[in-house]
Amino acid sequence: LLDFVMKKLCGILLNKLQHAAKRVSKDPIHNIHAAKMRQEEDFYKNWLMGKFKAFCKLRNWEMPVVACFDLTDTQLELAQQEDEKKLKAKVKRHYFRTLTNDRLDEYFAEVDKR
C-alpha cells in the first residue's frame, strides 16, 4: 500500500512539474514561475543550470533552451516591468491587510488624492 501511494504521489508531482515547465516556456515574460527564476538567477542559472548541463553532457543529450533566460533585450525589459507591477500589487495587498480601521480611512483618502 505504501509503495502504491508513494508511486502515485511521485507521479502527480512529476506531472505538476512538467505542466509548470510547459507554462514557463510558452510565456516566459508573464509567467510567475519564470519571474521567480529571474529573481533567483544565482540559484537557477548558475547552480542548477550547471548541474543540468553536466547531466546532459553525461547522457550525450542536447541542452534545451531555457525560455525565461533566453529573452531579447526588449522582452527582458518588458518582463522586468511586469515583475515590478506584480511586486507593487503584492505590496499594496499586504499593506491593505495590515491596516487598522483608522489607518484604513487614511489609506483610502490617499488613494482618492491620486
C-alpha atoms as a PDB file:
ATOM      1  CA  LEU A   1       0.000   0.000   0.000  1.00  0.00           C
ATOM      2  CA  LEU A   2       2.803   2.412   0.919  1.00  0.00           C
ATOM      3  CA  ASP A   3       4.630   1.623  -2.325  1.00  0.00           C
ATOM      4  CA  PHE A   4       1.476   2.330  -4.342  1.00  0.00           C
ATOM      5  CA  VAL A   5       0.858   5.640  -2.545  1.00  0.00           C
ATOM      6  CA  MET A   6       4.463   6.810  -2.990  1.00  0.00           C
ATOM      7  CA  LYS A   7       4.446   5.971  -6.710  1.00  0.00           C
ATOM      8  CA  LYS A   8       1.134   7.774  -7.148  1.00  0.00           C
ATOM      9  CA  LEU A   9       2.325  10.880  -5.285  1.00  0.00           C
ATOM     10  CA  CYS A  10       5.621  10.989  -7.181  1.00  0.00           C
ATOM     11  CA  GLY A  11       3.744  10.637 -10.462  1.00  0.00           C
ATOM     12  CA  ILE A  12       1.428  13.508  -9.582  1.00  0.00           C
ATOM     13  CA  LEU A  13       4.357  15.674  -8.503  1.00  0.00           C
ATOM     14  CA  LEU A  14       6.249  14.967 -11.715  1.00  0.00           C
ATOM     15  CA  ASN A  15       3.139  15.731 -13.770  1.00  0.00           C
ATOM     16  CA  LYS A  16       2.686  19.092 -11.999  1.00  0.00           C
ATOM     17  CA  LEU A  17       6.348  19.968 -12.569  1.00  0.00           C
ATOM     18  CA  GLN A  18       6.069  19.141 -16.274  1.00  0.00           C
ATOM     19  CA  HIS A  19       2.982  21.337 -16.653  1.00  0.00           C
ATOM     20  CA  ALA A  20       4.727  24.214 -14.842  1.00  0.00           C
ATOM     21  CA  ALA A  21       7.742  23.883 -17.152  1.00  0.00           C
ATOM     22  CA  LYS A  22       5.484  23.946 -20.224  1.00  0.00           C
ATOM     23  CA  ARG A  23       3.760  27.111 -18.997  1.00  0.00           C
ATOM     24  CA  VAL A  24       7.140  28.799 -18.419  1.00  0.00           C
ATOM     25  CA  SER A  25       8.300  28.001 -21.946  1.00  0.00           C
ATOM     26  CA  LYS A  26       5.006  29.169 -23.507  1.00  0.00           C
ATOM     27  CA  ASP A  27       5.031  32.593 -21.810  1.00  0.00           C
ATOM     28  CA  PRO A  28       8.377  33.391 -20.171  1.00  0.00           C
ATOM     29  CA  ILE A  29       7.549  37.085 -19.817  1.00  0.00           C
ATOM     30  CA  HIS A  30       4.315  36.963 -17.813  1.00  0.00           C
ATOM     31  CA  ASN A  31       4.649  33.595 -16.064  1.00  0.00           C
ATOM     32  CA  ILE A  32       5.027  33.796 -12.281  1.00  0.00           C
ATOM     33  CA  HIS A  33       7.487  30.913 -12.081  1.00  0.00           C
ATOM     34  CA  ALA A  34       9.650  32.425 -14.830  1.00  0.00           C
ATOM     35  CA  ALA A  35       9.700  35.710 -12.908  1.00  0.00           C
ATOM     36  CA  LYS A  36      10.805  33.868  -9.777  1.00  0.00           C
ATOM     37  CA  MET A  37      13.536  32.131 -11.766  1.00  0.00           C
ATOM     38  CA  ARG A  38      14.815  35.509 -12.979  1.00  0.00           C
ATOM     39  CA  GLN A  39      14.755  36.854  -9.412  1.00  0.00           C
ATOM     40  CA  GLU A  40      16.667  33.830  -8.082  1.00  0.00           C
ATOM     41  CA  GLU A  41      19.112  33.820 -11.003  1.00  0.00           C
ATOM     42  CA  ASP A  42      22.068  32.810  -8.847  1.00  0.00           C
ATOM     43  CA  PHE A  43      20.374  29.529  -7.941  1.00  0.00           C
ATOM     44  CA  TYR A  44      18.609  28.690 -11.205  1.00  0.00           C
ATOM     45  CA  LYS A  45      21.074  29.935 -13.810  1.00  0.00           C
ATOM     46  CA  ASN A  46      24.393  29.485 -12.046  1.00  0.00           C
ATOM     47  CA  TRP A  47      23.913  26.429  -9.821  1.00  0.00           C
ATOM     48  CA  LEU A  48      21.024  24.366 -11.232  1.00  0.00           C
ATOM     49  CA  MET A  49      21.800  25.001 -14.910  1.00  0.00           C
ATOM     50  CA  GLY A  50      25.386  23.930 -14.320  1.00  0.00           C
ATOM     51  CA  LYS A  51      24.200  20.624 -12.880  1.00  0.00           C
ATOM     52  CA  PHE A  52      21.727  20.152 -15.731  1.00  0.00           C
ATOM     53  CA  LYS A  53      24.362  20.912 -18.379  1.00  0.00           C
ATOM     54  CA  ALA A  54      26.707  18.350 -16.813  1.00  0.00           C
ATOM     55  CA  PHE A  55      23.900  15.766 -16.788  1.00  0.00           C
ATOM     56  CA  CYS A  56      23.054  16.455 -20.447  1.00  0.00           C
ATOM     57  CA  LYS A  57      26.720  16.151 -21.386  1.00  0.00           C
ATOM     58  CA  LEU A  58      26.985  12.854 -19.472  1.00  0.00           C
ATOM     59  CA  ARG A  59      23.976  11.449 -21.337  1.00  0.00           C
ATOM     60  CA  ASN A  60      25.044  12.956 -24.690  1.00  0.00           C
ATOM     61  CA  TRP A  61      21.832  14.966 -24.833  1.00  0.00           C
ATOM     62  CA  GLU A  62      21.409  18.336 -26.472  1.00  0.00           C
ATOM     63  CA  MET A  63      20.834  21.033 -23.871  1.00  0.00           C
ATOM     64  CA  PRO A  64      17.375  22.574 -24.396  1.00  0.00           C
ATOM     65  CA  VAL A  65      16.888  26.331 -24.383  1.00  0.00           C
ATOM     66  CA  VAL A  66      15.607  27.741 -21.081  1.00  0.00           C
ATOM     67  CA  ALA A  67      12.965  30.224 -22.203  1.00  0.00           C
ATOM     68  CA  CYS A  68      12.964  32.534 -19.192  1.00  0.00           C
ATOM     69  CA  PHE A  69      16.715  33.191 -19.576  1.00  0.00           C
ATOM     70  CA  ASP A  70      16.710  33.336 -23.387  1.00  0.00           C
ATOM     71  CA  LEU A  71      14.959  36.687 -23.809  1.00  0.00           C
ATOM     72  CA  THR A  72      15.807  39.556 -26.123  1.00  0.00           C
ATOM     73  CA  ASP A  73      16.582  42.944 -24.569  1.00  0.00           C
ATOM     74  CA  THR A  74      13.069  44.188 -25.353  1.00  0.00           C
ATOM     75  CA  GLN A  75      11.461  41.093 -23.864  1.00  0.00           C
ATOM     76  CA  LEU A  76      13.671  41.313 -20.785  1.00  0.00           C
ATOM     77  CA  GLU A  77      12.695  44.940 -20.260  1.00  0.00           C
ATOM     78  CA  LEU A  78       9.005  44.040 -20.625  1.00  0.00           C
ATOM     79  CA  ALA A  79       9.454  41.135 -18.189  1.00  0.00           C
ATOM     80  CA  GLN A  80      11.116  43.430 -15.635  1.00  0.00           C
ATOM     81  CA  GLN A  81       8.215  45.885 -15.934  1.00  0.00           C
ATOM     82  CA  GLU A  82       5.745  43.041 -15.370  1.00  0.00           C
ATOM     83  CA  ASP A  83       7.727  41.835 -12.353  1.00  0.00           C
ATOM     84  CA  GLU A  84       7.707  45.347 -10.853  1.00  0.00           C
ATOM     85  CA  LYS A  85       3.931  45.630 -11.370  1.00  0.00           C
ATOM     86  CA  LYS A  86       3.369  42.292  -9.630  1.00  0.00           C
ATOM     87  CA  LEU A  87       5.636  43.286  -6.762  1.00  0.00           C
ATOM     88  CA  LYS A  88       3.863  46.616  -6.296  1.00  0.00           C
ATOM     89  CA  ALA A  89       0.459  44.911  -6.342  1.00  0.00           C
ATOM     90  CA  LYS A  90       1.669  42.387  -3.779  1.00  0.00           C
ATOM     91  CA  VAL A  91       2.997  45.154  -1.507  1.00  0.00           C
ATOM     92  CA  LYS A  92      -0.278  47.071  -1.767  1.00  0.00           C
ATOM     93  CA  ARG A  93      -2.310  43.975  -0.891  1.00  0.00           C
ATOM     94  CA  HIS A  94      -0.066  43.286   2.098  1.00  0.00           C
ATOM     95  CA  TYR A  95      -0.302  46.914   3.243  1.00  0.00           C
ATOM     96  CA  PHE A  96      -4.080  46.841   2.891  1.00  0.00           C
ATOM     97  CA  ARG A  97      -4.358  43.706   5.067  1.00  0.00           C
ATOM     98  CA  THR A  98      -2.268  45.224   7.853  1.00  0.00           C
ATOM     99  CA  LEU A  99      -4.290  48.417   8.181  1.00  0.00           C
ATOM    100  CA  THR A 100      -6.415  49.154  11.219  1.00  0.00           C
ATOM    101  CA  ASN A 101      -9.737  50.947  10.779  1.00  0.00           C
ATOM    102  CA  ASP A 102      -8.171  54.361  11.475  1.00  0.00           C
ATOM    103  CA  ARG A 103      -5.309  53.794   9.074  1.00  0.00           C
ATOM    104  CA  LEU A 104      -7.712  52.330   6.527  1.00  0.00           C
ATOM    105  CA  ASP A 105      -9.501  55.681   6.232  1.00  0.00           C
ATOM    106  CA  GLU A 106      -6.133  57.418   5.745  1.00  0.00           C
ATOM    107  CA  TYR A 107      -5.204  54.900   3.072  1.00  0.00           C
ATOM    108  CA  PHE A 108      -8.431  55.453   1.109  1.00  0.00           C
ATOM    109  CA  ALA A 109      -8.035  59.222   1.396  1.00  0.00           C
ATOM    110  CA  GLU A 110      -4.533  58.903  -0.013  1.00  0.00           C
ATOM    111  CA  VAL A 111      -5.777  56.712  -2.878  1.00  0.00           C
ATOM    112  CA  ASP A 112      -8.533  59.214  -3.696  1.00  0.00           C
ATOM    113  CA  LYS A 113      -5.942  62.000  -3.978  1.00  0.00           C
ATOM    114  CA  ARG A 114      -4.144  60.093  -6.720  1.00  0.00           C
END
